[in-house]
Structures are given as structure tokens and as C-alpha cells.
Amino acid sequence: MRNRSIRSAVKTKVNKFRRAVAAGQGDVEAMAVAAISALDRGVSKGVLHRNNAARRKSRLMKRLNATVGARTADR
């Protein structure tokens, strides 16, 4: 049951980040940091495998960099 709550929190933060990127909100950097820290917390608690978290963090950063790069190019 403890693992389920931690895993659910990780999924919630990752989904909030994805929705913020899709909506074009300005606070995506803070949401990315929150999602990454949740992934790291899941690994430290033994809920997620470290390679799984690393892959998911890589995908988050890739999406964040694409968003920030697109905003910078628009200026």
C-alpha cells in the first residue's frame, strides 16, 4: 500500500508537468523539478528501478528543453 501511494504521487506530478507543457503554462520549470524529485524519491524508497526513473527523467528534460527552446526562439 505504501508503494502504491508513492507511485501514484510520481504519476500525478509527471502528468501535471505534461499538462502544463501542453497548455503552454509558464511554470513548467518548477513542475519539472517537482516531478524529477518525486522520481528520485521513488527510487530511494525502492518503489521504482533506477533505470526506469532515469529514462523518465530524460524524457521529461527532453520535453522541457523543447518547450523552453521554442519559447526562446519566439522572442
Protein backbone atom coordinates (compact mmCIF):
# COMPACT_ATOMS: atom_id res chain seq x y z
CA MET A 1 0.00 0.00 0.00
CA ARG A 2 2.87 2.40 0.73
CA ASN A 3 4.40 1.69 -2.65
CA ARG A 4 1.10 2.41 -4.37
CA SER A 5 0.81 5.86 -2.80
CA ILE A 6 4.38 6.80 -3.73
CA ARG A 7 3.92 5.53 -7.28
CA SER A 8 0.65 7.46 -7.56
CA ALA A 9 2.33 10.68 -6.38
CA VAL A 10 5.05 10.24 -9.00
CA LYS A 11 2.50 9.73 -11.76
CA THR A 12 0.48 12.75 -10.62
CA LYS A 13 3.48 15.09 -10.71
CA VAL A 14 4.63 13.81 -14.11
CA ASN A 15 1.12 14.20 -15.53
CA LYS A 16 0.81 17.74 -14.13
CA PHE A 17 4.08 18.62 -15.86
CA ARG A 18 2.90 17.15 -19.17
CA ARG A 19 -0.42 19.01 -18.99
CA ALA A 20 1.37 22.28 -18.18
CA VAL A 21 3.64 21.84 -21.21
CA ALA A 22 0.66 21.07 -23.46
CA ALA A 23 -1.23 24.11 -22.16
CA GLY A 24 1.82 26.36 -22.53
CA GLN A 25 1.87 27.48 -18.91
CA GLY A 26 4.86 29.48 -17.70
CA ASP A 27 5.65 27.47 -14.57
CA VAL A 28 6.86 24.31 -16.32
CA GLU A 29 10.39 24.52 -14.89
CA ALA A 30 9.14 24.26 -11.31
CA MET A 31 6.84 21.40 -12.24
CA ALA A 32 9.73 19.57 -13.91
CA VAL A 33 11.82 19.93 -10.75
CA ALA A 34 8.93 18.59 -8.66
CA ALA A 35 8.45 15.62 -10.99
CA ILE A 36 12.16 14.79 -11.01
CA SER A 37 12.38 14.97 -7.22
CA ALA A 38 9.35 12.67 -6.96
CA LEU A 39 11.04 10.18 -9.29
CA ASP A 40 14.22 10.33 -7.19
CA ARG A 41 12.17 9.81 -4.03
CA GLY A 42 10.55 6.75 -5.59
CA VAL A 43 13.97 5.30 -6.37
CA SER A 44 15.30 5.98 -2.88
CA LYS A 45 12.27 4.25 -1.34
CA GLY A 46 12.75 1.22 -3.61
CA VAL A 47 9.45 1.70 -5.44
CA LEU A 48 10.97 2.42 -8.86
CA HIS A 49 14.00 0.94 -10.54
CA ARG A 50 16.78 3.48 -11.01
CA ASN A 51 16.97 2.92 -14.77
CA ASN A 52 13.21 3.40 -15.09
CA ALA A 53 13.43 6.71 -13.23
CA ALA A 54 16.45 7.78 -15.28
CA ARG A 55 14.58 7.09 -18.51
CA ARG A 56 11.54 9.02 -17.33
CA LYS A 57 13.66 11.96 -16.16
CA SER A 58 15.41 12.01 -19.52
CA ARG A 59 12.08 12.19 -21.32
CA LEU A 60 10.91 14.99 -19.01
CA MET A 61 14.04 17.02 -19.64
CA LYS A 62 13.78 16.44 -23.37
CA ARG A 63 10.22 17.76 -23.33
CA LEU A 64 11.20 20.70 -21.10
CA ASN A 65 14.12 21.69 -23.33
CA ALA A 66 11.90 21.56 -26.41
CA THR A 67 9.38 23.82 -24.69
CA VAL A 68 11.93 26.31 -23.39
CA GLY A 69 13.76 26.29 -26.73
CA ALA A 70 10.54 27.03 -28.58
CA ARG A 71 9.77 29.93 -26.24
CA THR A 72 13.27 31.35 -26.69
CA ALA A 73 13.00 31.10 -30.48
CA ASP A 74 9.70 33.01 -30.44
CA ARG A 75 11.28 36.04 -28.78
